[in-house]
């Protein structure tokens, strides 16, 4: 049977790591899509192709973020001794 055996410090570190990974992912998305939008504006202003990578990556980012938030509220389980 599984039981919770993670120390409070270990749990804090795990939660901090999850929060940081969410922030890094969103920041990367904003900067890369922003760069692509500028590139699109100057290279081919007649067709806004940047919408497609923004939607695709945005969907993946949203799913990943929701998954991480859900694991943030779940305690870490380890095999019992």
PDB file of N, CA and C in Angstrom:
ATOM      1  N   UNK A   1       0.838  -1.173   0.000  1.00  0.00           N
ATOM      2  CA  UNK A   1       0.000   0.000   0.000  1.00  0.00           C
ATOM      3  C   UNK A   1       0.885   1.238   0.000  1.00  0.00           C
ATOM      4  N   UNK A   2       0.436   2.267  -0.704  1.00  0.00           N
ATOM      5  CA  UNK A   2       1.214   3.495  -0.773  1.00  0.00           C
ATOM      6  C   UNK A   2       0.828   4.434   0.360  1.00  0.00           C
ATOM      7  N   UNK A   3       1.810   5.161   0.836  1.00  0.00           N
ATOM      8  CA  UNK A   3       1.536   6.154   1.868  1.00  0.00           C
ATOM      9  C   UNK A   3       2.384   7.390   1.607  1.00  0.00           C
ATOM     10  N   UNK A   4       1.954   8.501   2.155  1.00  0.00           N
ATOM     11  CA  UNK A   4       2.688   9.744   1.988  1.00  0.00           C
ATOM     12  C   UNK A   4       3.872   9.727   2.945  1.00  0.00           C
ATOM     13  N   UNK A   5       5.078   9.882   2.380  1.00  0.00           N
ATOM     14  CA  UNK A   5       6.250   9.902   3.255  1.00  0.00           C
ATOM     15  C   UNK A   5       7.209  11.029   2.887  1.00  0.00           C
ATOM     16  N   UNK A   6       6.750  11.951   2.067  1.00  0.00           N
ATOM     17  CA  UNK A   6       7.611  13.073   1.681  1.00  0.00           C
ATOM     18  C   UNK A   6       7.674  14.096   2.811  1.00  0.00           C
ATOM     19  N   UNK A   7       8.859  14.604   3.047  1.00  0.00           N
ATOM     20  CA  UNK A   7       9.024  15.613   4.084  1.00  0.00           C
ATOM     21  C   UNK A   7       8.421  16.934   3.611  1.00  0.00           C
ATOM     22  N   UNK A   8       8.061  17.814   4.548  1.00  0.00           N
ATOM     23  CA  UNK A   8       7.503  19.113   4.145  1.00  0.00           C
ATOM     24  C   UNK A   8       8.465  19.909   3.254  1.00  0.00           C
ATOM     25  N   UNK A   9       9.757  19.835   3.537  1.00  0.00           N
ATOM     26  CA  UNK A   9      10.746  20.547   2.726  1.00  0.00           C
ATOM     27  C   UNK A   9      10.773  19.995   1.307  1.00  0.00           C
ATOM     28  N   UNK A  10      10.740  18.679   1.184  1.00  0.00           N
ATOM     29  CA  UNK A  10      10.759  18.044  -0.128  1.00  0.00           C
ATOM     30  C   UNK A  10       9.501  18.422  -0.913  1.00  0.00           C
ATOM     31  N   UNK A  11       8.383  18.504  -0.221  1.00  0.00           N
ATOM     32  CA  UNK A  11       7.122  18.893  -0.854  1.00  0.00           C
ATOM     33  C   UNK A  11       7.188  20.352  -1.336  1.00  0.00           C
ATOM     34  N   UNK A  12       7.783  21.232  -0.546  1.00  0.00           N
ATOM     35  CA  UNK A  12       7.952  22.634  -0.946  1.00  0.00           C
ATOM     36  C   UNK A  12       8.811  22.741  -2.200  1.00  0.00           C
ATOM     37  N   UNK A  13       9.886  21.995  -2.231  1.00  0.00           N
ATOM     38  CA  UNK A  13      10.789  22.022  -3.386  1.00  0.00           C
ATOM     39  C   UNK A  13      10.067  21.507  -4.631  1.00  0.00           C
ATOM     40  N   UNK A  14       9.274  20.455  -4.470  1.00  0.00           N
ATOM     41  CA  UNK A  14       8.524  19.901  -5.604  1.00  0.00           C
ATOM     42  C   UNK A  14       7.528  20.924  -6.141  1.00  0.00           C
ATOM     43  N   UNK A  15       6.795  21.589  -5.250  1.00  0.00           N
ATOM     44  CA  UNK A  15       5.810  22.591  -5.664  1.00  0.00           C
ATOM     45  C   UNK A  15       6.499  23.794  -6.328  1.00  0.00           C
ATOM     46  N   UNK A  16       7.636  24.216  -5.785  1.00  0.00           N
ATOM     47  CA  UNK A  16       8.372  25.330  -6.362  1.00  0.00           C
ATOM     48  C   UNK A  16       8.866  24.974  -7.769  1.00  0.00           C
ATOM     49  N   UNK A  17       9.327  23.747  -7.940  1.00  0.00           N
ATOM     50  CA  UNK A  17       9.790  23.294  -9.247  1.00  0.00           C
ATOM     51  C   UNK A  17       8.638  23.301 -10.259  1.00  0.00           C
ATOM     52  N   UNK A  18       7.466  22.855  -9.849  1.00  0.00           N
ATOM     53  CA  UNK A  18       6.302  22.847 -10.742  1.00  0.00           C
ATOM     54  C   UNK A  18       5.909  24.267 -11.112  1.00  0.00           C
ATOM     55  N   UNK A  19       5.855  25.161 -10.130  1.00  0.00           N
ATOM     56  CA  UNK A  19       5.504  26.567 -10.414  1.00  0.00           C
ATOM     57  C   UNK A  19       6.511  27.209 -11.357  1.00  0.00           C
ATOM     58  N   UNK A  20       7.791  26.976 -11.108  1.00  0.00           N
ATOM     59  CA  UNK A  20       8.834  27.545 -11.966  1.00  0.00           C
ATOM     60  C   UNK A  20       8.741  27.005 -13.390  1.00  0.00           C
ATOM     61  N   UNK A  21       8.433  25.730 -13.537  1.00  0.00           N
ATOM     62  CA  UNK A  21       8.327  25.162 -14.880  1.00  0.00           C
ATOM     63  C   UNK A  21       7.148  25.763 -15.637  1.00  0.00           C
ATOM     64  N   UNK A  22       6.060  26.084 -14.935  1.00  0.00           N
ATOM     65  CA  UNK A  22       4.914  26.734 -15.573  1.00  0.00           C
ATOM     66  C   UNK A  22       5.304  28.133 -16.046  1.00  0.00           C
ATOM     67  N   UNK A  23       5.963  28.889 -15.185  1.00  0.00           N
ATOM     68  CA  UNK A  23       6.374  30.255 -15.535  1.00  0.00           C
ATOM     69  C   UNK A  23       7.347  30.242 -16.705  1.00  0.00           C
ATOM     70  N   UNK A  24       8.302  29.344 -16.703  1.00  0.00           N
ATOM     71  CA  UNK A  24       9.284  29.257 -17.790  1.00  0.00           C
ATOM     72  C   UNK A  24       8.596  28.903 -19.107  1.00  0.00           C
ATOM     73  N   UNK A  25       7.660  27.966 -19.077  1.00  0.00           N
ATOM     74  CA  UNK A  25       6.953  27.561 -20.288  1.00  0.00           C
ATOM     75  C   UNK A  25       6.139  28.709 -20.874  1.00  0.00           C
ATOM     76  N   UNK A  26       5.412  29.424 -20.024  1.00  0.00           N
ATOM     77  CA  UNK A  26       4.587  30.543 -20.505  1.00  0.00           C
ATOM     78  C   UNK A  26       5.459  31.678 -21.020  1.00  0.00           C
ATOM     79  N   UNK A  27       6.547  31.972 -20.332  1.00  0.00           N
ATOM     80  CA  UNK A  27       7.458  33.025 -20.767  1.00  0.00           C
ATOM     81  C   UNK A  27       8.079  32.693 -22.127  1.00  0.00           C
ATOM     82  N   UNK A  28       8.503  31.458 -22.298  1.00  0.00           N
ATOM     83  CA  UNK A  28       9.070  31.024 -23.572  1.00  0.00           C
ATOM     84  C   UNK A  28       8.050  31.163 -24.687  1.00  0.00           C
ATOM     85  N   UNK A  29       6.816  30.750 -24.424  1.00  0.00           N
ATOM     86  CA  UNK A  29       5.739  30.857 -25.410  1.00  0.00           C
ATOM     87  C   UNK A  29       5.535  32.316 -25.834  1.00  0.00           C
ATOM     88  N   UNK A  30       5.439  33.212 -24.869  1.00  0.00           N
ATOM     89  CA  UNK A  30       5.185  34.626 -25.172  1.00  0.00           C
ATOM     90  C   UNK A  30       6.317  35.220 -26.015  1.00  0.00           C
ATOM     91  N   UNK A  31       7.561  34.947 -25.651  1.00  0.00           N
ATOM     92  CA  UNK A  31       8.673  35.525 -26.393  1.00  0.00           C
ATOM     93  C   UNK A  31       8.805  34.935 -27.797  1.00  0.00           C
ATOM     94  N   UNK A  32       8.664  33.632 -27.927  1.00  0.00           N
ATOM     95  CA  UNK A  32       8.808  33.011 -29.246  1.00  0.00           C
ATOM     96  C   UNK A  32       7.658  33.413 -30.169  1.00  0.00           C
ATOM     97  N   UNK A  33       6.428  33.370 -29.680  1.00  0.00           N
ATOM     98  CA  UNK A  33       5.291  33.764 -30.512  1.00  0.00           C
ATOM     99  C   UNK A  33       5.372  35.259 -30.834  1.00  0.00           C
ATOM    100  N   UNK A  34       5.828  36.061 -29.886  1.00  0.00           N
ATOM    101  CA  UNK A  34       6.034  37.490 -30.167  1.00  0.00           C
ATOM    102  C   UNK A  34       7.056  37.710 -31.271  1.00  0.00           C
ATOM    103  N   UNK A  35       8.158  36.969 -31.213  1.00  0.00           N
ATOM    104  CA  UNK A  35       9.174  37.063 -32.258  1.00  0.00           C
ATOM    105  C   UNK A  35       8.611  36.620 -33.603  1.00  0.00           C
ATOM    106  N   UNK A  36       7.869  35.515 -33.606  1.00  0.00           N
ATOM    107  CA  UNK A  36       7.271  35.046 -34.853  1.00  0.00           C
ATOM    108  C   UNK A  36       6.254  36.039 -35.409  1.00  0.00           C
ATOM    109  N   UNK A  37       5.524  36.714 -34.520  1.00  0.00           N
ATOM    110  CA  UNK A  37       4.560  37.718 -34.963  1.00  0.00           C
ATOM    111  C   UNK A  37       5.284  38.895 -35.636  1.00  0.00           C
ATOM    112  N   UNK A  38       6.388  39.335 -35.053  1.00  0.00           N
ATOM    113  CA  UNK A  38       7.175  40.397 -35.683  1.00  0.00           C
ATOM    114  C   UNK A  38       7.738  39.947 -37.030  1.00  0.00           C
ATOM    115  N   UNK A  39       8.250  38.744 -37.063  1.00  0.00           N
ATOM    116  CA  UNK A  39       8.772  38.192 -38.307  1.00  0.00           C
ATOM    117  C   UNK A  39       7.671  38.125 -39.357  1.00  0.00           C
ATOM    118  N   UNK A  40       6.509  37.673 -38.954  1.00  0.00           N
ATOM    119  CA  UNK A  40       5.367  37.583 -39.856  1.00  0.00           C
ATOM    120  C   UNK A  40       4.963  38.970 -40.354  1.00  0.00           C
ATOM    121  N   UNK A  41       4.944  39.944 -39.475  1.00  0.00           N
ATOM    122  CA  UNK A  41       4.541  41.303 -39.833  1.00  0.00           C
ATOM    123  C   UNK A  41       5.460  41.904 -40.890  1.00  0.00           C
ATOM    124  N   UNK A  42       6.763  41.693 -40.737  1.00  0.00           N
ATOM    125  CA  UNK A  42       7.707  42.288 -41.675  1.00  0.00           C
ATOM    126  C   UNK A  42       7.925  41.438 -42.927  1.00  0.00           C
ATOM    127  N   UNK A  43       7.794  40.139 -42.833  1.00  0.00           N
ATOM    128  CA  UNK A  43       8.070  39.268 -43.977  1.00  0.00           C
ATOM    129  C   UNK A  43       6.844  39.073 -44.871  1.00  0.00           C
ATOM    130  N   UNK A  44       5.715  38.706 -44.275  1.00  0.00           N
ATOM    131  CA  UNK A  44       4.499  38.448 -45.062  1.00  0.00           C
ATOM    132  C   UNK A  44       3.288  39.052 -44.368  1.00  0.00           C
ATOM    133  N   UNK A  45       3.141  40.373 -44.433  1.00  0.00           N
ATOM    134  CA  UNK A  45       2.036  41.018 -43.714  1.00  0.00           C
ATOM    135  C   UNK A  45       0.652  40.696 -44.282  1.00  0.00           C
ATOM    136  N   UNK A  46       0.589  40.161 -45.492  1.00  0.00           N
ATOM    137  CA  UNK A  46      -0.701  39.864 -46.095  1.00  0.00           C
ATOM    138  C   UNK A  46      -1.377  38.628 -45.520  1.00  0.00           C
ATOM    139  N   UNK A  47      -0.597  37.723 -44.975  1.00  0.00           N
ATOM    140  CA  UNK A  47      -1.153  36.479 -44.423  1.00  0.00           C
ATOM    141  C   UNK A  47      -0.564  36.249 -43.033  1.00  0.00           C
ATOM    142  N   UNK A  48      -1.409  36.173 -42.030  1.00  0.00           N
ATOM    143  CA  UNK A  48      -0.942  36.000 -40.656  1.00  0.00           C
ATOM    144  C   UNK A  48      -0.842  34.524 -40.305  1.00  0.00           C
ATOM    145  N   UNK A  49       0.231  33.882 -40.756  1.00  0.00           N
ATOM    146  CA  UNK A  49       0.462  32.475 -40.492  1.00  0.00           C
ATOM    147  C   UNK A  49       0.848  32.216 -39.043  1.00  0.00           C
ATOM    148  N   UNK A  50       1.241  33.260 -38.316  1.00  0.00           N
ATOM    149  CA  UNK A  50       1.670  33.094 -36.918  1.00  0.00           C
ATOM    150  C   UNK A  50       0.524  32.582 -36.042  1.00  0.00           C
ATOM    151  N   UNK A  51      -0.699  32.722 -36.522  1.00  0.00           N
ATOM    152  CA  UNK A  51      -1.857  32.243 -35.762  1.00  0.00           C
ATOM    153  C   UNK A  51      -1.774  30.733 -35.562  1.00  0.00           C
ATOM    154  N   UNK A  52      -1.318  30.006 -36.582  1.00  0.00           N
ATOM    155  CA  UNK A  52      -1.304  28.536 -36.504  1.00  0.00           C
ATOM    156  C   UNK A  52      -0.320  28.012 -35.460  1.00  0.00           C
ATOM    157  N   UNK A  53       0.941  28.470 -35.445  1.00  0.00           N
ATOM    158  CA  UNK A  53       1.816  28.010 -34.360  1.00  0.00           C
ATOM    159  C   UNK A  53       1.334  28.476 -32.989  1.00  0.00           C
ATOM    160  N   UNK A  54       0.744  29.683 -32.931  1.00  0.00           N
ATOM    161  CA  UNK A  54       0.251  30.186 -31.642  1.00  0.00           C
ATOM    162  C   UNK A  54      -0.886  29.312 -31.118  1.00  0.00           C
ATOM    163  N   UNK A  55      -1.791  28.917 -31.991  1.00  0.00           N
ATOM    164  CA  UNK A  55      -2.908  28.050 -31.570  1.00  0.00           C
ATOM    165  C   UNK A  55      -2.421  26.655 -31.183  1.00  0.00           C
ATOM    166  N   UNK A  56      -1.570  26.072 -32.012  1.00  0.00           N
ATOM    167  CA  UNK A  56      -1.072  24.720 -31.728  1.00  0.00           C
ATOM    168  C   UNK A  56      -0.273  24.651 -30.445  1.00  0.00           C
ATOM    169  N   UNK A  57       0.695  25.530 -30.323  1.00  0.00           N
ATOM    170  CA  UNK A  57       1.535  25.557 -29.133  1.00  0.00           C
ATOM    171  C   UNK A  57       0.716  25.994 -27.921  1.00  0.00           C
ATOM    172  N   UNK A  58      -0.198  26.931 -28.135  1.00  0.00           N
ATOM    173  CA  UNK A  58      -1.043  27.408 -27.040  1.00  0.00           C
ATOM    174  C   UNK A  58      -1.917  26.305 -26.468  1.00  0.00           C
ATOM    175  N   UNK A  59      -2.468  25.462 -27.343  1.00  0.00           N
ATOM    176  CA  UNK A  59      -3.279  24.334 -26.879  1.00  0.00           C
ATOM    177  C   UNK A  59      -2.434  23.367 -26.047  1.00  0.00           C
ATOM    178  N   UNK A  60      -1.251  23.042 -26.562  1.00  0.00           N
ATOM    179  CA  UNK A  60      -0.352  22.163 -25.804  1.00  0.00           C
ATOM    180  C   UNK A  60       0.070  22.767 -24.485  1.00  0.00           C
ATOM    181  N   UNK A  61       0.333  24.049 -24.495  1.00  0.00           N
ATOM    182  CA  UNK A  61       0.725  24.753 -23.278  1.00  0.00           C
ATOM    183  C   UNK A  61      -0.411  24.770 -22.258  1.00  0.00           C
ATOM    184  N   UNK A  62      -1.631  24.985 -22.733  1.00  0.00           N
ATOM    185  CA  UNK A  62      -2.786  25.001 -21.827  1.00  0.00           C
ATOM    186  C   UNK A  62      -2.994  23.634 -21.186  1.00  0.00           C
ATOM    187  N   UNK A  63      -2.904  22.584 -21.974  1.00  0.00           N
ATOM    188  CA  UNK A  63      -3.075  21.230 -21.438  1.00  0.00           C
ATOM    189  C   UNK A  63      -1.972  20.914 -20.437  1.00  0.00           C
ATOM    190  N   UNK A  64      -0.749  21.255 -20.786  1.00  0.00           N
ATOM    191  CA  UNK A  64       0.386  21.014 -19.899  1.00  0.00           C
ATOM    192  C   UNK A  64       0.260  21.798 -18.594  1.00  0.00           C
ATOM    193  N   UNK A  65      -0.173  23.048 -18.689  1.00  0.00           N
ATOM    194  CA  UNK A  65      -0.318  23.890 -17.499  1.00  0.00           C
ATOM    195  C   UNK A  65      -1.406  23.357 -16.574  1.00  0.00           C
ATOM    196  N   UNK A  66      -2.532  22.961 -17.142  1.00  0.00           N
ATOM    197  CA  UNK A  66      -3.612  22.388 -16.323  1.00  0.00           C
ATOM    198  C   UNK A  66      -3.134  21.114 -15.643  1.00  0.00           C
ATOM    199  N   UNK A  67      -2.423  20.282 -16.374  1.00  0.00           N
ATOM    200  CA  UNK A  67      -1.886  19.043 -15.800  1.00  0.00           C
ATOM    201  C   UNK A  67      -0.934  19.335 -14.642  1.00  0.00           C
ATOM    202  N   UNK A  68      -0.064  20.318 -14.813  1.00  0.00           N
ATOM    203  CA  UNK A  68       0.876  20.675 -13.750  1.00  0.00           C
ATOM    204  C   UNK A  68       0.163  21.261 -12.538  1.00  0.00           C
ATOM    205  N   UNK A  69      -0.861  22.070 -12.776  1.00  0.00           N
ATOM    206  CA  UNK A  69      -1.608  22.656 -11.664  1.00  0.00           C
ATOM    207  C   UNK A  69      -2.328  21.563 -10.882  1.00  0.00           C
ATOM    208  N   UNK A  70      -2.863  20.576 -11.583  1.00  0.00           N
ATOM    209  CA  UNK A  70      -3.538  19.478 -10.894  1.00  0.00           C
ATOM    210  C   UNK A  70      -2.557  18.655 -10.058  1.00  0.00           C
ATOM    211  N   UNK A  71      -1.342  18.454 -10.558  1.00  0.00           N
ATOM    212  CA  UNK A  71      -0.346  17.713  -9.775  1.00  0.00           C
ATOM    213  C   UNK A  71       0.196  18.554  -8.626  1.00  0.00           C
ATOM    214  N   UNK A  72       0.070  19.874  -8.750  1.00  0.00           N
ATOM    215  CA  UNK A  72       0.519  20.762  -7.688  1.00  0.00           C
ATOM    216  C   UNK A  72      -0.289  20.533  -6.417  1.00  0.00           C
ATOM    217  N   UNK A  73      -1.556  20.198  -6.565  1.00  0.00           N
ATOM    218  CA  UNK A  73      -2.431  20.003  -5.426  1.00  0.00           C
ATOM    219  C   UNK A  73      -2.502  18.557  -4.950  1.00  0.00           C
ATOM    220  N   UNK A  74      -1.706  17.683  -5.551  1.00  0.00           N
ATOM    221  CA  UNK A  74      -1.683  16.290  -5.140  1.00  0.00           C
ATOM    222  C   UNK A  74      -0.409  16.003  -4.370  1.00  0.00           C
ATOM    223  N   UNK A  75      -0.517  15.352  -3.249  1.00  0.00           N
ATOM    224  CA  UNK A  75       0.711  15.038  -2.503  1.00  0.00           C
ATOM    225  C   UNK A  75       1.549  14.004  -3.257  1.00  0.00           C
ATOM    226  N   UNK A  76       2.844  14.036  -3.023  1.00  0.00           N
ATOM    227  CA  UNK A  76       3.737  13.089  -3.653  1.00  0.00           C
ATOM    228  C   UNK A  76       3.672  11.763  -2.907  1.00  0.00           C
ATOM    229  N   UNK A  77       3.482  10.694  -3.651  1.00  0.00           N
ATOM    230  CA  UNK A  77       3.397   9.368  -3.026  1.00  0.00           C
ATOM    231  C   UNK A  77       4.685   8.612  -3.282  1.00  0.00           C
ATOM    232  N   UNK A  78       5.101   7.886  -2.266  1.00  0.00           N
ATOM    233  CA  UNK A  78       6.262   7.018  -2.389  1.00  0.00           C
ATOM    234  C   UNK A  78       5.872   5.646  -1.903  1.00  0.00           C
ATOM    235  N   UNK A  79       6.589   4.631  -2.342  1.00  0.00           N
ATOM    236  CA  UNK A  79       6.302   3.277  -1.868  1.00  0.00           C
ATOM    237  C   UNK A  79       6.565   3.182  -0.380  1.00  0.00           C
ATOM    238  N   UNK A  80       5.660   2.541   0.312  1.00  0.00           N
ATOM    239  CA  UNK A  80       5.830   2.388   1.756  1.00  0.00           C
ATOM    240  C   UNK A  80       6.942   1.419   2.077  1.00  0.00           C
ATOM    241  N   UNK A  81       7.444   1.530   3.261  1.00  0.00           N
ATOM    242  CA  UNK A  81       8.546   0.645   3.673  1.00  0.00           C
ATOM    243  C   UNK A  81       8.034  -0.428   4.584  1.00  0.00           C
TER     244      UNK A  81
END
